[in-house]
Amino acid sequence: MNSAYVTARRPADVAREVESLRNAGCGRFILRKLDGGATIDLERLGAARYAAGLQAEVELEGQSSPGDAASESDGVAEPEVVGAR
């Protein structure tokens, strides 16, 4: 699978770059961190994931798994889902 390193700053530019690279055959995208994994990086990550599609791998540089960006950025624990009785 071809990989691409995405450096665009604005989420809209990230989406355009990822879409162009996806059309060129890339299936894995690594976004350069701009904000230490905080809000702007999460917005860029969302734009990249949307543009890349479900079959692609998209991650923030230095991120070991797709869920790490959200948990590292705000320090807020994810709520537990409780089943209905």
PDB file of N, CA and C in Angstrom:
ATOM      1  N   MET A   1       0.851  -1.180   0.000  1.00  0.00           N
ATOM      2  CA  MET A   1       0.000   0.000   0.000  1.00  0.00           C
ATOM      3  C   MET A   1       0.896   1.242   0.000  1.00  0.00           C
ATOM      4  N   ASN A   2       0.621   2.170  -0.891  1.00  0.00           N
ATOM      5  CA  ASN A   2       1.386   3.413  -0.965  1.00  0.00           C
ATOM      6  C   ASN A   2       1.011   4.331   0.177  1.00  0.00           C
ATOM      7  N   SER A   3       2.011   4.993   0.762  1.00  0.00           N
ATOM      8  CA  SER A   3       1.791   5.936   1.854  1.00  0.00           C
ATOM      9  C   SER A   3       2.088   7.348   1.393  1.00  0.00           C
ATOM     10  N   ALA A   4       1.404   8.316   2.020  1.00  0.00           N
ATOM     11  CA  ALA A   4       1.645   9.722   1.716  1.00  0.00           C
ATOM     12  C   ALA A   4       1.682  10.512   3.016  1.00  0.00           C
ATOM     13  N   TYR A   5       2.554  11.498   3.081  1.00  0.00           N
ATOM     14  CA  TYR A   5       2.706  12.374   4.229  1.00  0.00           C
ATOM     15  C   TYR A   5       2.013  13.685   3.882  1.00  0.00           C
ATOM     16  N   VAL A   6       0.971  14.035   4.642  1.00  0.00           N
ATOM     17  CA  VAL A   6       0.141  15.209   4.341  1.00  0.00           C
ATOM     18  C   VAL A   6       0.559  16.361   5.244  1.00  0.00           C
ATOM     19  N   THR A   7       0.848  17.513   4.635  1.00  0.00           N
ATOM     20  CA  THR A   7       1.334  18.664   5.401  1.00  0.00           C
ATOM     21  C   THR A   7       0.415  19.878   5.331  1.00  0.00           C
ATOM     22  N   ALA A   8      -0.677  19.789   4.597  1.00  0.00           N
ATOM     23  CA  ALA A   8      -1.594  20.933   4.474  1.00  0.00           C
ATOM     24  C   ALA A   8      -2.075  21.367   5.852  1.00  0.00           C
ATOM     25  N   ARG A   9      -2.337  22.650   6.017  1.00  0.00           N
ATOM     26  CA  ARG A   9      -2.701  23.205   7.327  1.00  0.00           C
ATOM     27  C   ARG A   9      -4.213  23.251   7.558  1.00  0.00           C
ATOM     28  N   ARG A  10      -4.950  23.768   6.608  1.00  0.00           N
ATOM     29  CA  ARG A  10      -6.393  23.922   6.778  1.00  0.00           C
ATOM     30  C   ARG A  10      -7.110  22.613   6.459  1.00  0.00           C
ATOM     31  N   PRO A  11      -8.167  22.266   7.213  1.00  0.00           N
ATOM     32  CA  PRO A  11      -8.891  21.019   6.947  1.00  0.00           C
ATOM     33  C   PRO A  11      -9.355  20.870   5.497  1.00  0.00           C
ATOM     34  N   ALA A  12      -9.817  21.953   4.885  1.00  0.00           N
ATOM     35  CA  ALA A  12     -10.265  21.872   3.485  1.00  0.00           C
ATOM     36  C   ALA A  12      -9.104  21.536   2.557  1.00  0.00           C
ATOM     37  N   ASP A  13      -7.938  22.103   2.838  1.00  0.00           N
ATOM     38  CA  ASP A  13      -6.755  21.805   2.026  1.00  0.00           C
ATOM     39  C   ASP A  13      -6.281  20.372   2.246  1.00  0.00           C
ATOM     40  N   VAL A  14      -6.400  19.898   3.487  1.00  0.00           N
ATOM     41  CA  VAL A  14      -6.053  18.509   3.792  1.00  0.00           C
ATOM     42  C   VAL A  14      -6.934  17.576   2.975  1.00  0.00           C
ATOM     43  N   ALA A  15      -8.232  17.851   2.967  1.00  0.00           N
ATOM     44  CA  ALA A  15      -9.175  17.001   2.231  1.00  0.00           C
ATOM     45  C   ALA A  15      -8.835  16.976   0.742  1.00  0.00           C
ATOM     46  N   ARG A  16      -8.525  18.135   0.164  1.00  0.00           N
ATOM     47  CA  ARG A  16      -8.161  18.198  -1.262  1.00  0.00           C
ATOM     48  C   ARG A  16      -6.886  17.415  -1.537  1.00  0.00           C
ATOM     49  N   GLU A  17      -5.891  17.570  -0.665  1.00  0.00           N
ATOM     50  CA  GLU A  17      -4.621  16.867  -0.860  1.00  0.00           C
ATOM     51  C   GLU A  17      -4.814  15.348  -0.750  1.00  0.00           C
ATOM     52  N   VAL A  18      -5.577  14.917   0.256  1.00  0.00           N
ATOM     53  CA  VAL A  18      -5.821  13.490   0.445  1.00  0.00           C
ATOM     54  C   VAL A  18      -6.603  12.922  -0.734  1.00  0.00           C
ATOM     55  N   GLU A  19      -7.618  13.629  -1.186  1.00  0.00           N
ATOM     56  CA  GLU A  19      -8.406  13.148  -2.322  1.00  0.00           C
ATOM     57  C   GLU A  19      -7.536  13.001  -3.570  1.00  0.00           C
ATOM     58  N   SER A  20      -6.676  13.972  -3.805  1.00  0.00           N
ATOM     59  CA  SER A  20      -5.786  13.914  -4.958  1.00  0.00           C
ATOM     60  C   SER A  20      -4.821  12.732  -4.841  1.00  0.00           C
ATOM     61  N   LEU A  21      -4.258  12.541  -3.664  1.00  0.00           N
ATOM     62  CA  LEU A  21      -3.330  11.427  -3.441  1.00  0.00           C
ATOM     63  C   LEU A  21      -4.041  10.078  -3.521  1.00  0.00           C
ATOM     64  N   ARG A  22      -5.268  10.026  -3.013  1.00  0.00           N
ATOM     65  CA  ARG A  22      -6.053   8.789  -3.094  1.00  0.00           C
ATOM     66  C   ARG A  22      -6.309   8.428  -4.553  1.00  0.00           C
ATOM     67  N   ASN A  23      -6.648   9.422  -5.357  1.00  0.00           N
ATOM     68  CA  ASN A  23      -6.880   9.186  -6.792  1.00  0.00           C
ATOM     69  C   ASN A  23      -5.608   8.743  -7.508  1.00  0.00           C
ATOM     70  N   ALA A  24      -4.448   9.100  -6.936  1.00  0.00           N
ATOM     71  CA  ALA A  24      -3.166   8.695  -7.516  1.00  0.00           C
ATOM     72  C   ALA A  24      -2.725   7.317  -7.022  1.00  0.00           C
ATOM     73  N   GLY A  25      -3.526   6.705  -6.144  1.00  0.00           N
ATOM     74  CA  GLY A  25      -3.230   5.342  -5.718  1.00  0.00           C
ATOM     75  C   GLY A  25      -2.768   5.158  -4.285  1.00  0.00           C
ATOM     76  N   CYS A  26      -2.698   6.214  -3.513  1.00  0.00           N
ATOM     77  CA  CYS A  26      -2.282   6.078  -2.114  1.00  0.00           C
ATOM     78  C   CYS A  26      -3.429   5.510  -1.280  1.00  0.00           C
ATOM     79  N   GLY A  27      -3.085   4.700  -0.309  1.00  0.00           N
ATOM     80  CA  GLY A  27      -4.090   4.115   0.564  1.00  0.00           C
ATOM     81  C   GLY A  27      -3.811   4.330   2.036  1.00  0.00           C
ATOM     82  N   ARG A  28      -2.682   4.995   2.337  1.00  0.00           N
ATOM     83  CA  ARG A  28      -2.315   5.273   3.732  1.00  0.00           C
ATOM     84  C   ARG A  28      -1.829   6.709   3.809  1.00  0.00           C
ATOM     85  N   PHE A  29      -2.359   7.457   4.779  1.00  0.00           N
ATOM     86  CA  PHE A  29      -2.053   8.877   4.895  1.00  0.00           C
ATOM     87  C   PHE A  29      -1.608   9.188   6.318  1.00  0.00           C
ATOM     88  N   ILE A  30      -0.495   9.901   6.435  1.00  0.00           N
ATOM     89  CA  ILE A  30       0.021  10.316   7.731  1.00  0.00           C
ATOM     90  C   ILE A  30       0.012  11.834   7.750  1.00  0.00           C
ATOM     91  N   LEU A  31      -0.703  12.412   8.721  1.00  0.00           N
ATOM     92  CA  LEU A  31      -0.798  13.868   8.826  1.00  0.00           C
ATOM     93  C   LEU A  31       0.256  14.395   9.780  1.00  0.00           C
ATOM     94  N   ARG A  32       0.972  15.433   9.345  1.00  0.00           N
ATOM     95  CA  ARG A  32       1.938  16.100  10.215  1.00  0.00           C
ATOM     96  C   ARG A  32       1.189  16.818  11.325  1.00  0.00           C
ATOM     97  N   LYS A  33       1.644  16.675  12.558  1.00  0.00           N
ATOM     98  CA  LYS A  33       1.035  17.386  13.681  1.00  0.00           C
ATOM     99  C   LYS A  33       1.357  18.868  13.582  1.00  0.00           C
ATOM    100  N   LEU A  34       0.350  19.702  13.818  1.00  0.00           N
ATOM    101  CA  LEU A  34       0.550  21.151  13.828  1.00  0.00           C
ATOM    102  C   LEU A  34       0.277  21.723  15.210  1.00  0.00           C
ATOM    103  N   ASP A  35      -0.576  21.049  15.964  1.00  0.00           N
ATOM    104  CA  ASP A  35      -1.077  21.595  17.226  1.00  0.00           C
ATOM    105  C   ASP A  35      -0.922  20.575  18.353  1.00  0.00           C
ATOM    106  N   GLY A  36       0.068  19.718  18.264  1.00  0.00           N
ATOM    107  CA  GLY A  36       0.298  18.736  19.323  1.00  0.00           C
ATOM    108  C   GLY A  36      -0.828  17.744  19.504  1.00  0.00           C
ATOM    109  N   GLY A  37      -1.648  17.546  18.474  1.00  0.00           N
ATOM    110  CA  GLY A  37      -2.764  16.611  18.562  1.00  0.00           C
ATOM    111  C   GLY A  37      -4.046  17.257  19.088  1.00  0.00           C
ATOM    112  N   ALA A  38      -4.044  18.569  19.246  1.00  0.00           N
ATOM    113  CA  ALA A  38      -5.220  19.264  19.775  1.00  0.00           C
ATOM    114  C   ALA A  38      -6.252  19.546  18.674  1.00  0.00           C
ATOM    115  N   THR A  39      -7.119  20.482  18.900  1.00  0.00           N
ATOM    116  CA  THR A  39      -8.305  20.726  18.086  1.00  0.00           C
ATOM    117  C   THR A  39      -8.043  20.809  16.584  1.00  0.00           C
ATOM    118  N   ILE A  40      -7.109  21.643  16.150  1.00  0.00           N
ATOM    119  CA  ILE A  40      -6.914  21.792  14.699  1.00  0.00           C
ATOM    120  C   ILE A  40      -6.435  20.484  14.088  1.00  0.00           C
ATOM    121  N   ASP A  41      -5.597  19.746  14.814  1.00  0.00           N
ATOM    122  CA  ASP A  41      -5.144  18.453  14.292  1.00  0.00           C
ATOM    123  C   ASP A  41      -6.303  17.477  14.183  1.00  0.00           C
ATOM    124  N   LEU A  42      -7.207  17.491  15.143  1.00  0.00           N
ATOM    125  CA  LEU A  42      -8.369  16.601  15.078  1.00  0.00           C
ATOM    126  C   LEU A  42      -9.298  16.979  13.932  1.00  0.00           C
ATOM    127  N   GLU A  43      -9.451  18.280  13.672  1.00  0.00           N
ATOM    128  CA  GLU A  43     -10.259  18.723  12.532  1.00  0.00           C
ATOM    129  C   GLU A  43      -9.620  18.283  11.221  1.00  0.00           C
ATOM    130  N   ARG A  44      -8.316  18.420  11.128  1.00  0.00           N
ATOM    131  CA  ARG A  44      -7.589  17.990   9.926  1.00  0.00           C
ATOM    132  C   ARG A  44      -7.690  16.484   9.751  1.00  0.00           C
ATOM    133  N   LEU A  45      -7.583  15.735  10.858  1.00  0.00           N
ATOM    134  CA  LEU A  45      -7.677  14.284  10.816  1.00  0.00           C
ATOM    135  C   LEU A  45      -9.061  13.852  10.330  1.00  0.00           C
ATOM    136  N   GLY A  46     -10.101  14.510  10.812  1.00  0.00           N
ATOM    137  CA  GLY A  46     -11.462  14.206  10.370  1.00  0.00           C
ATOM    138  C   GLY A  46     -11.643  14.476   8.884  1.00  0.00           C
ATOM    139  N   ALA A  47     -11.110  15.599   8.418  1.00  0.00           N
ATOM    140  CA  ALA A  47     -11.209  15.936   6.995  1.00  0.00           C
ATOM    141  C   ALA A  47     -10.476  14.907   6.151  1.00  0.00           C
ATOM    142  N   ALA A  48      -9.302  14.482   6.621  1.00  0.00           N
ATOM    143  CA  ALA A  48      -8.519  13.487   5.877  1.00  0.00           C
ATOM    144  C   ALA A  48      -9.245  12.149   5.837  1.00  0.00           C
ATOM    145  N   ARG A  49      -9.811  11.732   6.956  1.00  0.00           N
ATOM    146  CA  ARG A  49     -10.528  10.451   6.993  1.00  0.00           C
ATOM    147  C   ARG A  49     -11.749  10.473   6.079  1.00  0.00           C
ATOM    148  N   TYR A  50     -12.454  11.582   6.068  1.00  0.00           N
ATOM    149  CA  TYR A  50     -13.627  11.701   5.205  1.00  0.00           C
ATOM    150  C   TYR A  50     -13.210  11.620   3.734  1.00  0.00           C
ATOM    151  N   ALA A  51     -12.152  12.348   3.375  1.00  0.00           N
ATOM    152  CA  ALA A  51     -11.703  12.380   1.982  1.00  0.00           C
ATOM    153  C   ALA A  51     -11.073  11.056   1.555  1.00  0.00           C
ATOM    154  N   ALA A  52     -10.427  10.370   2.480  1.00  0.00           N
ATOM    155  CA  ALA A  52      -9.727   9.128   2.143  1.00  0.00           C
ATOM    156  C   ALA A  52     -10.682   7.965   1.930  1.00  0.00           C
ATOM    157  N   GLY A  53     -11.791   7.951   2.617  1.00  0.00           N
ATOM    158  CA  GLY A  53     -12.741   6.853   2.483  1.00  0.00           C
ATOM    159  C   GLY A  53     -12.485   5.747   3.490  1.00  0.00           C
ATOM    160  N   LEU A  54     -13.400   4.813   3.545  1.00  0.00           N
ATOM    161  CA  LEU A  54     -13.366   3.760   4.555  1.00  0.00           C
ATOM    162  C   LEU A  54     -12.223   2.777   4.405  1.00  0.00           C
ATOM    163  N   GLN A  55     -11.755   2.556   3.200  1.00  0.00           N
ATOM    164  CA  GLN A  55     -10.725   1.548   2.963  1.00  0.00           C
ATOM    165  C   GLN A  55      -9.313   2.047   3.277  1.00  0.00           C
ATOM    166  N   ALA A  56      -9.133   3.334   3.456  1.00  0.00           N
ATOM    167  CA  ALA A  56      -7.804   3.912   3.661  1.00  0.00           C
ATOM    168  C   ALA A  56      -7.426   3.949   5.135  1.00  0.00           C
ATOM    169  N   GLU A  57      -6.130   4.013   5.378  1.00  0.00           N
ATOM    170  CA  GLU A  57      -5.594   4.204   6.725  1.00  0.00           C
ATOM    171  C   GLU A  57      -5.182   5.658   6.853  1.00  0.00           C
ATOM    172  N   VAL A  58      -5.652   6.317   7.916  1.00  0.00           N
ATOM    173  CA  VAL A  58      -5.304   7.716   8.141  1.00  0.00           C
ATOM    174  C   VAL A  58      -4.876   7.850   9.597  1.00  0.00           C
ATOM    175  N   GLU A  59      -3.718   8.479   9.821  1.00  0.00           N
ATOM    176  CA  GLU A  59      -3.249   8.658  11.193  1.00  0.00           C
ATOM    177  C   GLU A  59      -2.490   9.965  11.331  1.00  0.00           C
ATOM    178  N   LEU A  60      -2.413  10.437  12.560  1.00  0.00           N
ATOM    179  CA  LEU A  60      -1.644  11.619  12.900  1.00  0.00           C
ATOM    180  C   LEU A  60      -0.224  11.154  13.209  1.00  0.00           C
ATOM    181  N   GLU A  61       0.797  11.882  12.757  1.00  0.00           N
ATOM    182  CA  GLU A  61       2.170  11.425  12.968  1.00  0.00           C
ATOM    183  C   GLU A  61       2.418  11.185  14.457  1.00  0.00           C
ATOM    184  N   GLY A  62       3.102  10.080  14.734  1.00  0.00           N
ATOM    185  CA  GLY A  62       3.397   9.728  16.114  1.00  0.00           C
ATOM    186  C   GLY A  62       2.270   9.009  16.821  1.00  0.00           C
ATOM    187  N   GLN A  63       1.189   8.789  16.153  1.00  0.00           N
ATOM    188  CA  GLN A  63       0.017   8.135  16.730  1.00  0.00           C
ATOM    189  C   GLN A  63       0.143   6.641  16.505  1.00  0.00           C
ATOM    190  N   SER A  64      -0.029   5.852  17.562  1.00  0.00           N
ATOM    191  CA  SER A  64       0.147   4.411  17.404  1.00  0.00           C
ATOM    192  C   SER A  64      -1.111   3.706  16.943  1.00  0.00           C
ATOM    193  N   SER A  65      -2.278   4.292  17.190  1.00  0.00           N
ATOM    194  CA  SER A  65      -3.530   3.694  16.722  1.00  0.00           C
ATOM    195  C   SER A  65      -4.525   4.793  16.436  1.00  0.00           C
ATOM    196  N   PRO A  66      -5.553   4.531  15.599  1.00  0.00           N
ATOM    197  CA  PRO A  66      -6.486   5.575  15.186  1.00  0.00           C
ATOM    198  C   PRO A  66      -7.191   6.279  16.333  1.00  0.00           C
ATOM    199  N   GLY A  67      -7.400   5.641  17.460  1.00  0.00           N
ATOM    200  CA  GLY A  67      -8.121   6.275  18.567  1.00  0.00           C
ATOM    201  C   GLY A  67      -7.246   7.120  19.462  1.00  0.00           C
ATOM    202  N   ASP A  68      -5.921   7.073  19.294  1.00  0.00           N
ATOM    203  CA  ASP A  68      -5.020   7.771  20.191  1.00  0.00           C
ATOM    204  C   ASP A  68      -5.127   9.284  20.112  1.00  0.00           C
ATOM    205  N   ALA A  69      -5.417   9.842  18.971  1.00  0.00           N
ATOM    206  CA  ALA A  69      -5.431  11.299  18.827  1.00  0.00           C
ATOM    207  C   ALA A  69      -6.461  11.931  19.746  1.00  0.00           C
ATOM    208  N   ALA A  70      -7.647  11.396  19.804  1.00  0.00           N
ATOM    209  CA  ALA A  70      -8.687  11.981  20.638  1.00  0.00           C
ATOM    210  C   ALA A  70      -8.364  11.831  22.113  1.00  0.00           C
ATOM    211  N   SER A  71      -7.850  10.694  22.524  1.00  0.00           N
ATOM    212  CA  SER A  71      -7.591  10.474  23.934  1.00  0.00           C
ATOM    213  C   SER A  71      -6.395  11.277  24.426  1.00  0.00           C
ATOM    214  N   GLU A  72      -5.410  11.541  23.571  1.00  0.00           N
ATOM    215  CA  GLU A  72      -4.245  12.307  23.973  1.00  0.00           C
ATOM    216  C   GLU A  72      -4.528  13.795  24.022  1.00  0.00           C
ATOM    217  N   SER A  73      -5.404  14.288  23.175  1.00  0.00           N
ATOM    218  CA  SER A  73      -5.534  15.721  22.984  1.00  0.00           C
ATOM    219  C   SER A  73      -6.234  16.455  24.109  1.00  0.00           C
ATOM    220  N   ASP A  74      -7.294  15.895  24.675  1.00  0.00           N
ATOM    221  CA  ASP A  74      -8.064  16.668  25.624  1.00  0.00           C
ATOM    222  C   ASP A  74      -8.038  16.119  27.038  1.00  0.00           C
ATOM    223  N   GLY A  75      -7.510  14.944  27.231  1.00  0.00           N
ATOM    224  CA  GLY A  75      -7.429  14.374  28.558  1.00  0.00           C
ATOM    225  C   GLY A  75      -8.762  13.984  29.158  1.00  0.00           C
ATOM    226  N   VAL A  76      -9.815  14.029  28.382  1.00  0.00           N
ATOM    227  CA  VAL A  76     -11.147  13.687  28.871  1.00  0.00           C
ATOM    228  C   VAL A  76     -11.403  12.227  28.576  1.00  0.00           C
ATOM    229  N   ALA A  77     -11.823  11.497  29.586  1.00  0.00           N
ATOM    230  CA  ALA A  77     -12.108  10.086  29.409  1.00  0.00           C
ATOM    231  C   ALA A  77     -13.370   9.906  28.596  1.00  0.00           C
ATOM    232  N   GLU A  78     -13.367   8.886  27.767  1.00  0.00           N
ATOM    233  CA  GLU A  78     -14.558   8.570  26.979  1.00  0.00           C
ATOM    234  C   GLU A  78     -15.627   7.996  27.893  1.00  0.00           C
ATOM    235  N   PRO A  79     -16.878   8.382  27.703  1.00  0.00           N
ATOM    236  CA  PRO A  79     -17.945   7.850  28.546  1.00  0.00           C
ATOM    237  C   PRO A  79     -18.192   6.382  28.253  1.00  0.00           C
ATOM    238  N   GLU A  80     -18.563   5.649  29.281  1.00  0.00           N
ATOM    239  CA  GLU A  80     -18.909   4.243  29.087  1.00  0.00           C
ATOM    240  C   GLU A  80     -20.318   4.159  28.540  1.00  0.00           C
ATOM    241  N   VAL A  81     -20.561   3.158  27.717  1.00  0.00           N
ATOM    242  CA  VAL A  81     -21.900   2.936  27.187  1.00  0.00           C
ATOM    243  C   VAL A  81     -22.539   1.862  28.046  1.00  0.00           C
ATOM    244  N   VAL A  82     -23.694   2.206  28.601  1.00  0.00           N
ATOM    245  CA  VAL A  82     -24.389   1.270  29.473  1.00  0.00           C
ATOM    246  C   VAL A  82     -25.591   0.718  28.716  1.00  0.00           C
ATOM    247  N   GLY A  83     -25.723  -0.594  28.691  1.00  0.00           N
ATOM    248  CA  GLY A  83     -26.834  -1.220  27.989  1.00  0.00           C
ATOM    249  C   GLY A  83     -28.174  -0.979  28.677  1.00  0.00           C
ATOM    250  N   ALA A  84     -29.214  -0.930  27.881  1.00  0.00           N
ATOM    251  CA  ALA A  84     -30.565  -0.739  28.422  1.00  0.00           C
ATOM    252  C   ALA A  84     -31.014  -2.027  29.112  1.00  0.00           C
ATOM    253  N   ARG A  85     -31.815  -1.863  30.153  1.00  0.00           N
ATOM    254  CA  ARG A  85     -32.345  -3.044  30.867  1.00  0.00           C
ATOM    255  C   ARG A  85     -33.666  -3.471  30.321  1.00  0.00           C
TER     256      ARG A  85
END
